[in-house]
Amino acid sequence: ERGPAFTPQYPPVRAAGRGRAWYRGDCHLHTVHSDGKR
């Protein structure tokens, strides 16, 4: 039997910001889901 279905937990597209401001980010990161080790 296939068993229970997986339930994804996606992140929201908004966080509690400071209105119009300078925000710092890193958009190129890897984890164990590809060739990263973290």
PDB file of all heavy atoms in Angstrom:
ATOM      1  N   GLU A   1       0.836  -1.192   0.000  1.00  0.00           N
ATOM      2  CA  GLU A   1       0.000   0.000   0.000  1.00  0.00           C
ATOM      3  C   GLU A   1       0.871   1.242   0.000  1.00  0.00           C
ATOM      4  O   GLU A   1       1.929   1.280   0.638  1.00  0.00           O
ATOM      5  CB  GLU A   1      -0.905   0.004   1.235  1.00  0.00           C
ATOM      6  CG  GLU A   1      -1.894  -1.153   1.275  1.00  0.00           C
ATOM      7  CD  GLU A   1      -2.919  -1.072   0.160  1.00  0.00           C
ATOM      8  OE1 GLU A   1      -3.266   0.074  -0.214  1.00  0.00           O
ATOM      9  OE2 GLU A   1      -3.372  -2.128  -0.322  1.00  0.00           O
ATOM     10  N   ARG A   2       0.384   2.280  -0.678  1.00  0.00           N
ATOM     11  CA  ARG A   2       1.226   3.460  -0.859  1.00  0.00           C
ATOM     12  C   ARG A   2       1.427   4.264   0.418  1.00  0.00           C
ATOM     13  O   ARG A   2       2.410   4.990   0.553  1.00  0.00           O
ATOM     14  CB  ARG A   2       0.649   4.380  -1.938  1.00  0.00           C
ATOM     15  CG  ARG A   2      -0.703   4.977  -1.614  1.00  0.00           C
ATOM     16  CD  ARG A   2      -1.194   5.923  -2.716  1.00  0.00           C
ATOM     17  NE  ARG A   2      -1.170   5.311  -4.031  1.00  0.00           N
ATOM     18  CZ  ARG A   2      -1.723   5.869  -5.107  1.00  0.00           C
ATOM     19  NH1 ARG A   2      -2.325   7.040  -5.003  1.00  0.00           N
ATOM     20  NH2 ARG A   2      -1.665   5.261  -6.262  1.00  0.00           N
ATOM     21  N   GLY A   3       0.525   4.186   1.378  1.00  0.00           N
ATOM     22  CA  GLY A   3       0.691   4.917   2.630  1.00  0.00           C
ATOM     23  C   GLY A   3       0.172   6.339   2.537  1.00  0.00           C
ATOM     24  O   GLY A   3      -0.320   6.793   1.494  1.00  0.00           O
ATOM     25  N   PRO A   4       0.275   7.102   3.639  1.00  0.00           N
ATOM     26  CA  PRO A   4      -0.265   8.459   3.668  1.00  0.00           C
ATOM     27  C   PRO A   4       0.503   9.398   2.742  1.00  0.00           C
ATOM     28  O   PRO A   4       1.685   9.183   2.458  1.00  0.00           O
ATOM     29  CB  PRO A   4      -0.095   8.874   5.130  1.00  0.00           C
ATOM     30  CG  PRO A   4       1.028   8.028   5.636  1.00  0.00           C
ATOM     31  CD  PRO A   4       0.907   6.718   4.914  1.00  0.00           C
ATOM     32  N   ALA A   5      -0.177  10.428   2.284  1.00  0.00           N
ATOM     33  CA  ALA A   5       0.440  11.396   1.367  1.00  0.00           C
ATOM     34  C   ALA A   5       1.312  12.378   2.137  1.00  0.00           C
ATOM     35  O   ALA A   5       1.056  12.713   3.300  1.00  0.00           O
ATOM     36  CB  ALA A   5      -0.642  12.142   0.597  1.00  0.00           C
ATOM     37  N   PHE A   6       2.335  12.864   1.473  1.00  0.00           N
ATOM     38  CA  PHE A   6       3.216  13.899   2.019  1.00  0.00           C
ATOM     39  C   PHE A   6       2.502  15.250   1.974  1.00  0.00           C
ATOM     40  O   PHE A   6       1.821  15.573   1.003  1.00  0.00           O
ATOM     41  CB  PHE A   6       4.493  13.956   1.189  1.00  0.00           C
ATOM     42  CG  PHE A   6       5.407  15.100   1.527  1.00  0.00           C
ATOM     43  CD1 PHE A   6       6.190  15.075   2.670  1.00  0.00           C
ATOM     44  CD2 PHE A   6       5.483  16.207   0.697  1.00  0.00           C
ATOM     45  CE1 PHE A   6       7.036  16.113   2.981  1.00  0.00           C
ATOM     46  CE2 PHE A   6       6.333  17.259   0.994  1.00  0.00           C
ATOM     47  CZ  PHE A   6       7.113  17.218   2.140  1.00  0.00           C
ATOM     48  N   THR A   7       2.669  16.040   3.014  1.00  0.00           N
ATOM     49  CA  THR A   7       2.075  17.381   3.067  1.00  0.00           C
ATOM     50  C   THR A   7       3.180  18.429   2.985  1.00  0.00           C
ATOM     51  O   THR A   7       3.990  18.546   3.908  1.00  0.00           O
ATOM     52  CB  THR A   7       1.278  17.591   4.361  1.00  0.00           C
ATOM     53  OG1 THR A   7       0.255  16.599   4.451  1.00  0.00           O
ATOM     54  CG2 THR A   7       0.654  18.983   4.382  1.00  0.00           C
ATOM     55  N   PRO A   8       3.246  19.173   1.895  1.00  0.00           N
ATOM     56  CA  PRO A   8       4.298  20.195   1.784  1.00  0.00           C
ATOM     57  C   PRO A   8       4.038  21.354   2.732  1.00  0.00           C
ATOM     58  O   PRO A   8       2.896  21.685   3.044  1.00  0.00           O
ATOM     59  CB  PRO A   8       4.211  20.639   0.328  1.00  0.00           C
ATOM     60  CG  PRO A   8       2.796  20.349  -0.076  1.00  0.00           C
ATOM     61  CD  PRO A   8       2.390  19.125   0.698  1.00  0.00           C
ATOM     62  N   GLN A   9       5.113  21.989   3.173  1.00  0.00           N
ATOM     63  CA  GLN A   9       5.039  23.172   4.029  1.00  0.00           C
ATOM     64  C   GLN A   9       5.842  24.285   3.358  1.00  0.00           C
ATOM     65  O   GLN A   9       7.045  24.442   3.597  1.00  0.00           O
ATOM     66  CB  GLN A   9       5.587  22.862   5.422  1.00  0.00           C
ATOM     67  CG  GLN A   9       4.758  21.857   6.203  1.00  0.00           C
ATOM     68  CD  GLN A   9       5.344  21.577   7.573  1.00  0.00           C
ATOM     69  OE1 GLN A   9       6.344  20.889   7.714  1.00  0.00           O
ATOM     70  NE2 GLN A   9       4.706  22.123   8.597  1.00  0.00           N
ATOM     71  N   TYR A  10       5.165  25.034   2.506  1.00  0.00           N
ATOM     72  CA  TYR A  10       5.824  26.088   1.736  1.00  0.00           C
ATOM     73  C   TYR A  10       5.948  27.368   2.561  1.00  0.00           C
ATOM     74  O   TYR A  10       5.092  27.655   3.404  1.00  0.00           O
ATOM     75  CB  TYR A  10       5.038  26.375   0.464  1.00  0.00           C
ATOM     76  CG  TYR A  10       4.977  25.221  -0.508  1.00  0.00           C
ATOM     77  CD1 TYR A  10       3.755  24.782  -1.025  1.00  0.00           C
ATOM     78  CD2 TYR A  10       6.137  24.570  -0.928  1.00  0.00           C
ATOM     79  CE1 TYR A  10       3.696  23.736  -1.934  1.00  0.00           C
ATOM     80  CE2 TYR A  10       6.084  23.515  -1.826  1.00  0.00           C
ATOM     81  CZ  TYR A  10       4.863  23.106  -2.331  1.00  0.00           C
ATOM     82  OH  TYR A  10       4.809  22.063  -3.223  1.00  0.00           O
ATOM     83  N   PRO A  11       6.970  28.173   2.314  1.00  0.00           N
ATOM     84  CA  PRO A  11       7.114  29.426   3.049  1.00  0.00           C
ATOM     85  C   PRO A  11       6.195  30.504   2.502  1.00  0.00           C
ATOM     86  O   PRO A  11       5.826  30.473   1.317  1.00  0.00           O
ATOM     87  CB  PRO A  11       8.583  29.798   2.822  1.00  0.00           C
ATOM     88  CG  PRO A  11       8.904  29.206   1.482  1.00  0.00           C
ATOM     89  CD  PRO A  11       8.105  27.921   1.407  1.00  0.00           C
ATOM     90  N   PRO A  12       5.823  31.493   3.314  1.00  0.00           N
ATOM     91  CA  PRO A  12       5.007  32.611   2.826  1.00  0.00           C
ATOM     92  C   PRO A  12       5.830  33.518   1.921  1.00  0.00           C
ATOM     93  O   PRO A  12       7.070  33.487   1.938  1.00  0.00           O
ATOM     94  CB  PRO A  12       4.593  33.327   4.114  1.00  0.00           C
ATOM     95  CG  PRO A  12       5.679  32.997   5.088  1.00  0.00           C
ATOM     96  CD  PRO A  12       6.135  31.602   4.747  1.00  0.00           C
ATOM     97  N   VAL A  13       5.158  34.342   1.136  1.00  0.00           N
ATOM     98  CA  VAL A  13       5.845  35.246   0.203  1.00  0.00           C
ATOM     99  C   VAL A  13       6.051  36.635   0.807  1.00  0.00           C
ATOM    100  O   VAL A  13       6.517  37.544   0.129  1.00  0.00           O
ATOM    101  CB  VAL A  13       5.074  35.369  -1.122  1.00  0.00           C
ATOM    102  CG1 VAL A  13       4.997  34.022  -1.818  1.00  0.00           C
ATOM    103  CG2 VAL A  13       3.680  35.946  -0.898  1.00  0.00           C
ATOM    104  N   ARG A  14       5.738  36.780   2.072  1.00  0.00           N
ATOM    105  CA  ARG A  14       5.875  38.081   2.738  1.00  0.00           C
ATOM    106  C   ARG A  14       6.342  37.855   4.168  1.00  0.00           C
ATOM    107  O   ARG A  14       5.973  36.885   4.820  1.00  0.00           O
ATOM    108  CB  ARG A  14       4.530  38.813   2.727  1.00  0.00           C
ATOM    109  CG  ARG A  14       4.491  40.131   3.481  1.00  0.00           C
ATOM    110  CD  ARG A  14       3.104  40.748   3.442  1.00  0.00           C
ATOM    111  NE  ARG A  14       2.697  41.060   2.082  1.00  0.00           N
ATOM    112  CZ  ARG A  14       3.023  42.187   1.459  1.00  0.00           C
ATOM    113  NH1 ARG A  14       3.738  43.106   2.086  1.00  0.00           N
ATOM    114  NH2 ARG A  14       2.612  42.414   0.228  1.00  0.00           N
ATOM    115  N   ALA A  15       7.180  38.779   4.642  1.00  0.00           N
ATOM    116  CA  ALA A  15       7.600  38.779   6.038  1.00  0.00           C
ATOM    117  C   ALA A  15       7.348  40.166   6.613  1.00  0.00           C
ATOM    118  O   ALA A  15       7.001  41.106   5.889  1.00  0.00           O
ATOM    119  CB  ALA A  15       9.074  38.405   6.167  1.00  0.00           C
ATOM    120  N   ALA A  16       7.528  40.286   7.914  1.00  0.00           N
ATOM    121  CA  ALA A  16       7.294  41.572   8.576  1.00  0.00           C
ATOM    122  C   ALA A  16       8.473  42.491   8.293  1.00  0.00           C
ATOM    123  O   ALA A  16       9.517  42.404   8.930  1.00  0.00           O
ATOM    124  CB  ALA A  16       7.131  41.367  10.083  1.00  0.00           C
ATOM    125  N   GLY A  17       8.323  43.356   7.301  1.00  0.00           N
ATOM    126  CA  GLY A  17       9.398  44.254   6.925  1.00  0.00           C
ATOM    127  C   GLY A  17       9.336  45.587   7.647  1.00  0.00           C
ATOM    128  O   GLY A  17       8.599  45.768   8.625  1.00  0.00           O
ATOM    129  N   ARG A  18      10.100  46.548   7.115  1.00  0.00           N
ATOM    130  CA  ARG A  18      10.185  47.889   7.688  1.00  0.00           C
ATOM    131  C   ARG A  18       9.630  48.924   6.735  1.00  0.00           C
ATOM    132  O   ARG A  18      10.042  50.089   6.768  1.00  0.00           O
ATOM    133  CB  ARG A  18      11.648  48.215   8.001  1.00  0.00           C
ATOM    134  CG  ARG A  18      12.326  47.195   8.902  1.00  0.00           C
ATOM    135  CD  ARG A  18      13.784  47.556   9.202  1.00  0.00           C
ATOM    136  NE  ARG A  18      14.618  47.604   8.006  1.00  0.00           N
ATOM    137  CZ  ARG A  18      15.192  46.552   7.429  1.00  0.00           C
ATOM    138  NH1 ARG A  18      14.979  45.333   7.923  1.00  0.00           N
ATOM    139  NH2 ARG A  18      15.943  46.693   6.364  1.00  0.00           N
ATOM    140  N   GLY A  19       8.696  48.521   5.863  1.00  0.00           N
ATOM    141  CA  GLY A  19       8.239  49.442   4.843  1.00  0.00           C
ATOM    142  C   GLY A  19       9.325  49.632   3.804  1.00  0.00           C
ATOM    143  O   GLY A  19      10.151  48.739   3.571  1.00  0.00           O
ATOM    144  N   ARG A  20       9.331  50.783   3.141  1.00  0.00           N
ATOM    145  CA  ARG A  20      10.358  51.027   2.127  1.00  0.00           C
ATOM    146  C   ARG A  20      11.705  51.187   2.824  1.00  0.00           C
ATOM    147  O   ARG A  20      11.913  52.117   3.617  1.00  0.00           O
ATOM    148  CB  ARG A  20      10.034  52.254   1.286  1.00  0.00           C
ATOM    149  CG  ARG A  20      11.011  52.461   0.126  1.00  0.00           C
ATOM    150  CD  ARG A  20      10.467  53.431  -0.902  1.00  0.00           C
ATOM    151  NE  ARG A  20      11.401  53.673  -1.997  1.00  0.00           N
ATOM    152  CZ  ARG A  20      11.587  52.869  -3.050  1.00  0.00           C
ATOM    153  NH1 ARG A  20      10.865  51.754  -3.154  1.00  0.00           N
ATOM    154  NH2 ARG A  20      12.453  53.166  -3.998  1.00  0.00           N
ATOM    155  N   ALA A  21      12.616  50.265   2.526  1.00  0.00           N
ATOM    156  CA  ALA A  21      13.895  50.225   3.230  1.00  0.00           C
ATOM    157  C   ALA A  21      14.872  49.384   2.406  1.00  0.00           C
ATOM    158  O   ALA A  21      14.513  48.792   1.386  1.00  0.00           O
ATOM    159  CB  ALA A  21      13.717  49.636   4.627  1.00  0.00           C
ATOM    160  N   TRP A  22      16.109  49.360   2.876  1.00  0.00           N
ATOM    161  CA  TRP A  22      17.137  48.520   2.268  1.00  0.00           C
ATOM    162  C   TRP A  22      17.112  47.150   2.948  1.00  0.00           C
ATOM    163  O   TRP A  22      17.211  47.059   4.168  1.00  0.00           O
ATOM    164  CB  TRP A  22      18.512  49.154   2.426  1.00  0.00           C
ATOM    165  CG  TRP A  22      18.682  50.432   1.656  1.00  0.00           C
ATOM    166  CD1 TRP A  22      18.503  51.708   2.118  1.00  0.00           C
ATOM    167  CD2 TRP A  22      19.049  50.549   0.277  1.00  0.00           C
ATOM    168  NE1 TRP A  22      18.746  52.611   1.124  1.00  0.00           N
ATOM    169  CE2 TRP A  22      19.088  51.939  -0.034  1.00  0.00           C
ATOM    170  CE3 TRP A  22      19.357  49.631  -0.733  1.00  0.00           C
ATOM    171  CZ2 TRP A  22      19.423  52.411  -1.293  1.00  0.00           C
ATOM    172  CZ3 TRP A  22      19.689  50.106  -1.989  1.00  0.00           C
ATOM    173  CH2 TRP A  22      19.730  51.477  -2.263  1.00  0.00           C
ATOM    174  N   TYR A  23      16.989  46.088   2.133  1.00  0.00           N
ATOM    175  CA  TYR A  23      16.928  44.718   2.636  1.00  0.00           C
ATOM    176  C   TYR A  23      18.083  43.913   2.048  1.00  0.00           C
ATOM    177  O   TYR A  23      18.379  44.004   0.855  1.00  0.00           O
ATOM    178  CB  TYR A  23      15.596  44.076   2.264  1.00  0.00           C
ATOM    179  CG  TYR A  23      14.405  44.746   2.907  1.00  0.00           C
ATOM    180  CD1 TYR A  23      13.634  45.659   2.207  1.00  0.00           C
ATOM    181  CD2 TYR A  23      14.058  44.469   4.224  1.00  0.00           C
ATOM    182  CE1 TYR A  23      12.537  46.279   2.792  1.00  0.00           C
ATOM    183  CE2 TYR A  23      12.968  45.080   4.820  1.00  0.00           C
ATOM    184  CZ  TYR A  23      12.219  45.986   4.100  1.00  0.00           C
ATOM    185  OH  TYR A  23      11.137  46.596   4.695  1.00  0.00           O
ATOM    186  N   ARG A  24      18.700  43.094   2.907  1.00  0.00           N
ATOM    187  CA  ARG A  24      19.872  42.327   2.509  1.00  0.00           C
ATOM    188  C   ARG A  24      19.492  40.875   2.244  1.00  0.00           C
ATOM    189  O   ARG A  24      18.790  40.255   3.042  1.00  0.00           O
ATOM    190  CB  ARG A  24      20.939  42.393   3.610  1.00  0.00           C
ATOM    191  CG  ARG A  24      21.492  43.799   3.814  1.00  0.00           C
ATOM    192  CD  ARG A  24      22.444  43.872   5.005  1.00  0.00           C
ATOM    193  NE  ARG A  24      22.955  45.229   5.153  1.00  0.00           N
ATOM    194  CZ  ARG A  24      24.110  45.666   4.651  1.00  0.00           C
ATOM    195  NH1 ARG A  24      24.885  44.814   3.983  1.00  0.00           N
ATOM    196  NH2 ARG A  24      24.493  46.916   4.813  1.00  0.00           N
ATOM    197  N   GLY A  25      20.010  40.341   1.135  1.00  0.00           N
ATOM    198  CA  GLY A  25      19.667  38.963   0.805  1.00  0.00           C
ATOM    199  C   GLY A  25      20.747  38.240   0.031  1.00  0.00           C
ATOM    200  O   GLY A  25      21.635  38.849  -0.577  1.00  0.00           O
ATOM    201  N   ASP A  26      20.656  36.920   0.045  1.00  0.00           N
ATOM    202  CA  ASP A  26      21.548  36.026  -0.689  1.00  0.00           C
ATOM    203  C   ASP A  26      20.647  35.071  -1.469  1.00  0.00           C
ATOM    204  O   ASP A  26      19.892  34.295  -0.876  1.00  0.00           O
ATOM    205  CB  ASP A  26      22.441  35.266   0.297  1.00  0.00           C
ATOM    206  CG  ASP A  26      23.543  34.469  -0.384  1.00  0.00           C
ATOM    207  OD1 ASP A  26      23.471  34.256  -1.603  1.00  0.00           O
ATOM    208  OD2 ASP A  26      24.483  34.047   0.329  1.00  0.00           O
ATOM    209  N   CYS A  27      20.734  35.131  -2.793  1.00  0.00           N
ATOM    210  CA  CYS A  27      19.777  34.412  -3.645  1.00  0.00           C
ATOM    211  C   CYS A  27      20.377  33.211  -4.364  1.00  0.00           C
ATOM    212  O   CYS A  27      19.749  32.673  -5.282  1.00  0.00           O
ATOM    213  CB  CYS A  27      19.173  35.372  -4.665  1.00  0.00           C
ATOM    214  SG  CYS A  27      18.088  36.618  -3.929  1.00  0.00           S
ATOM    215  N   HIS A  28      21.563  32.788  -3.967  1.00  0.00           N
ATOM    216  CA  HIS A  28      22.198  31.639  -4.623  1.00  0.00           C
ATOM    217  C   HIS A  28      22.820  30.772  -3.542  1.00  0.00           C
ATOM    218  O   HIS A  28      23.936  31.023  -3.069  1.00  0.00           O
ATOM    219  CB  HIS A  28      23.258  32.143  -5.612  1.00  0.00           C
ATOM    220  CG  HIS A  28      23.839  31.079  -6.494  1.00  0.00           C
ATOM    221  ND1 HIS A  28      24.609  31.382  -7.593  1.00  0.00           N
ATOM    222  CD2 HIS A  28      23.764  29.722  -6.452  1.00  0.00           C
ATOM    223  CE1 HIS A  28      24.998  30.254  -8.184  1.00  0.00           C
ATOM    224  NE2 HIS A  28      24.492  29.240  -7.494  1.00  0.00           N
ATOM    225  N   LEU A  29      22.082  29.728  -3.149  1.00  0.00           N
ATOM    226  CA  LEU A  29      22.450  28.900  -2.001  1.00  0.00           C
ATOM    227  C   LEU A  29      22.082  27.441  -2.273  1.00  0.00           C
ATOM    228  O   LEU A  29      21.086  27.164  -2.941  1.00  0.00           O
ATOM    229  CB  LEU A  29      21.718  29.383  -0.743  1.00  0.00           C
ATOM    230  CG  LEU A  29      22.063  30.795  -0.270  1.00  0.00           C
ATOM    231  CD1 LEU A  29      20.955  31.350   0.624  1.00  0.00           C
ATOM    232  CD2 LEU A  29      23.396  30.792   0.466  1.00  0.00           C
ATOM    233  N   HIS A  30      22.879  26.534  -1.716  1.00  0.00           N
ATOM    234  CA  HIS A  30      22.661  25.108  -1.956  1.00  0.00           C
ATOM    235  C   HIS A  30      22.600  24.333  -0.648  1.00  0.00           C
ATOM    236  O   HIS A  30      23.223  24.716   0.344  1.00  0.00           O
ATOM    237  CB  HIS A  30      23.766  24.551  -2.849  1.00  0.00           C
ATOM    238  CG  HIS A  30      23.798  25.177  -4.207  1.00  0.00           C
ATOM    239  ND1 HIS A  30      22.954  24.794  -5.212  1.00  0.00           N
ATOM    240  CD2 HIS A  30      24.551  26.195  -4.706  1.00  0.00           C
ATOM    241  CE1 HIS A  30      23.185  25.538  -6.288  1.00  0.00           C
ATOM    242  NE2 HIS A  30      24.148  26.398  -6.001  1.00  0.00           N
ATOM    243  N   THR A  31      21.840  23.251  -0.673  1.00  0.00           N
ATOM    244  CA  THR A  31      21.659  22.402   0.496  1.00  0.00           C
ATOM    245  C   THR A  31      21.807  20.937   0.085  1.00  0.00           C
ATOM    246  O   THR A  31      22.174  20.627  -1.052  1.00  0.00           O
ATOM    247  CB  THR A  31      20.260  22.603   1.115  1.00  0.00           C
ATOM    248  OG1 THR A  31      19.266  22.012   0.237  1.00  0.00           O
ATOM    249  CG2 THR A  31      19.941  24.068   1.328  1.00  0.00           C
ATOM    250  N   VAL A  32      21.478  20.050   1.008  1.00  0.00           N
ATOM    251  CA  VAL A  32      21.515  18.614   0.712  1.00  0.00           C
ATOM    252  C   VAL A  32      20.501  18.225  -0.357  1.00  0.00           C
ATOM    253  O   VAL A  32      20.526  17.085  -0.839  1.00  0.00           O
ATOM    254  CB  VAL A  32      21.285  17.781   1.987  1.00  0.00           C
ATOM    255  CG1 VAL A  32      22.426  17.966   2.971  1.00  0.00           C
ATOM    256  CG2 VAL A  32      19.942  18.134   2.638  1.00  0.00           C
ATOM    257  N   HIS A  33      19.628  19.135  -0.743  1.00  0.00           N
ATOM    258  CA  HIS A  33      18.679  18.821  -1.813  1.00  0.00           C
ATOM    259  C   HIS A  33      19.336  18.864  -3.191  1.00  0.00           C
ATOM    260  O   HIS A  33      18.696  18.507  -4.186  1.00  0.00           O
ATOM    261  CB  HIS A  33      17.473  19.753  -1.747  1.00  0.00           C
ATOM    262  CG  HIS A  33      16.553  19.418  -0.625  1.00  0.00           C
ATOM    263  ND1 HIS A  33      15.440  18.629  -0.781  1.00  0.00           N
ATOM    264  CD2 HIS A  33      16.590  19.731   0.700  1.00  0.00           C
ATOM    265  CE1 HIS A  33      14.829  18.474   0.382  1.00  0.00           C
ATOM    266  NE2 HIS A  33      15.506  19.136   1.300  1.00  0.00           N
ATOM    267  N   SER A  34      20.597  19.316  -3.272  1.00  0.00           N
ATOM    268  CA  SER A  34      21.385  19.115  -4.496  1.00  0.00           C
ATOM    269  C   SER A  34      22.792  18.722  -4.067  1.00  0.00           C
ATOM    270  O   SER A  34      22.962  17.692  -3.425  1.00  0.00           O
ATOM    271  CB  SER A  34      21.341  20.338  -5.417  1.00  0.00           C
ATOM    272  OG  SER A  34      21.815  21.510  -4.799  1.00  0.00           O
ATOM    273  N   ASP A  35      23.802  19.548  -4.382  1.00  0.00           N
ATOM    274  CA  ASP A  35      25.175  19.150  -4.061  1.00  0.00           C
ATOM    275  C   ASP A  35      25.731  19.883  -2.851  1.00  0.00           C
ATOM    276  O   ASP A  35      26.941  19.871  -2.620  1.00  0.00           O
ATOM    277  CB  ASP A  35      26.091  19.367  -5.269  1.00  0.00           C
ATOM    278  CG  ASP A  35      26.131  20.813  -5.729  1.00  0.00           C
ATOM    279  OD1 ASP A  35      25.251  21.601  -5.327  1.00  0.00           O
ATOM    280  OD2 ASP A  35      27.041  21.163  -6.507  1.00  0.00           O
ATOM    281  N   GLY A  36      24.865  20.518  -2.056  1.00  0.00           N
ATOM    282  CA  GLY A  36      25.319  21.136  -0.826  1.00  0.00           C
ATOM    283  C   GLY A  36      25.430  20.113   0.298  1.00  0.00           C
ATOM    284  O   GLY A  36      24.917  18.997   0.209  1.00  0.00           O
ATOM    285  N   LYS A  37      26.096  20.524   1.357  1.00  0.00           N
ATOM    286  CA  LYS A  37      26.275  19.645   2.516  1.00  0.00           C
ATOM    287  C   LYS A  37      25.495  20.129   3.735  1.00  0.00           C
ATOM    288  O   LYS A  37      25.553  19.492   4.787  1.00  0.00           O
ATOM    289  CB  LYS A  37      27.766  19.547   2.870  1.00  0.00           C
ATOM    290  CG  LYS A  37      28.613  18.911   1.783  1.00  0.00           C
ATOM    291  CD  LYS A  37      28.192  17.474   1.512  1.00  0.00           C
ATOM    292  CE  LYS A  37      29.104  16.813   0.489  1.00  0.00           C
ATOM    293  NZ  LYS A  37      28.666  15.437   0.160  1.00  0.00           N
ATOM    294  N   ARG A  38      24.768  21.219   3.605  1.00  0.00           N
ATOM    295  CA  ARG A  38      24.010  21.766   4.726  1.00  0.00           C
ATOM    296  C   ARG A  38      22.534  21.426   4.583  1.00  0.00           C
ATOM    297  O   ARG A  38      21.990  21.416   3.471  1.00  0.00           O
ATOM    298  CB  ARG A  38      24.189  23.285   4.787  1.00  0.00           C
ATOM    299  CG  ARG A  38      25.603  23.710   5.164  1.00  0.00           C
ATOM    300  CD  ARG A  38      25.847  25.169   4.843  1.00  0.00           C
ATOM    301  NE  ARG A  38      27.136  25.628   5.366  1.00  0.00           N
ATOM    302  CZ  ARG A  38      27.809  26.667   4.901  1.00  0.00           C
ATOM    303  NH1 ARG A  38      27.317  27.363   3.892  1.00  0.00           N
ATOM    304  NH2 ARG A  38      28.968  27.021   5.436  1.00  0.00           N
TER     305      ARG A  38
END
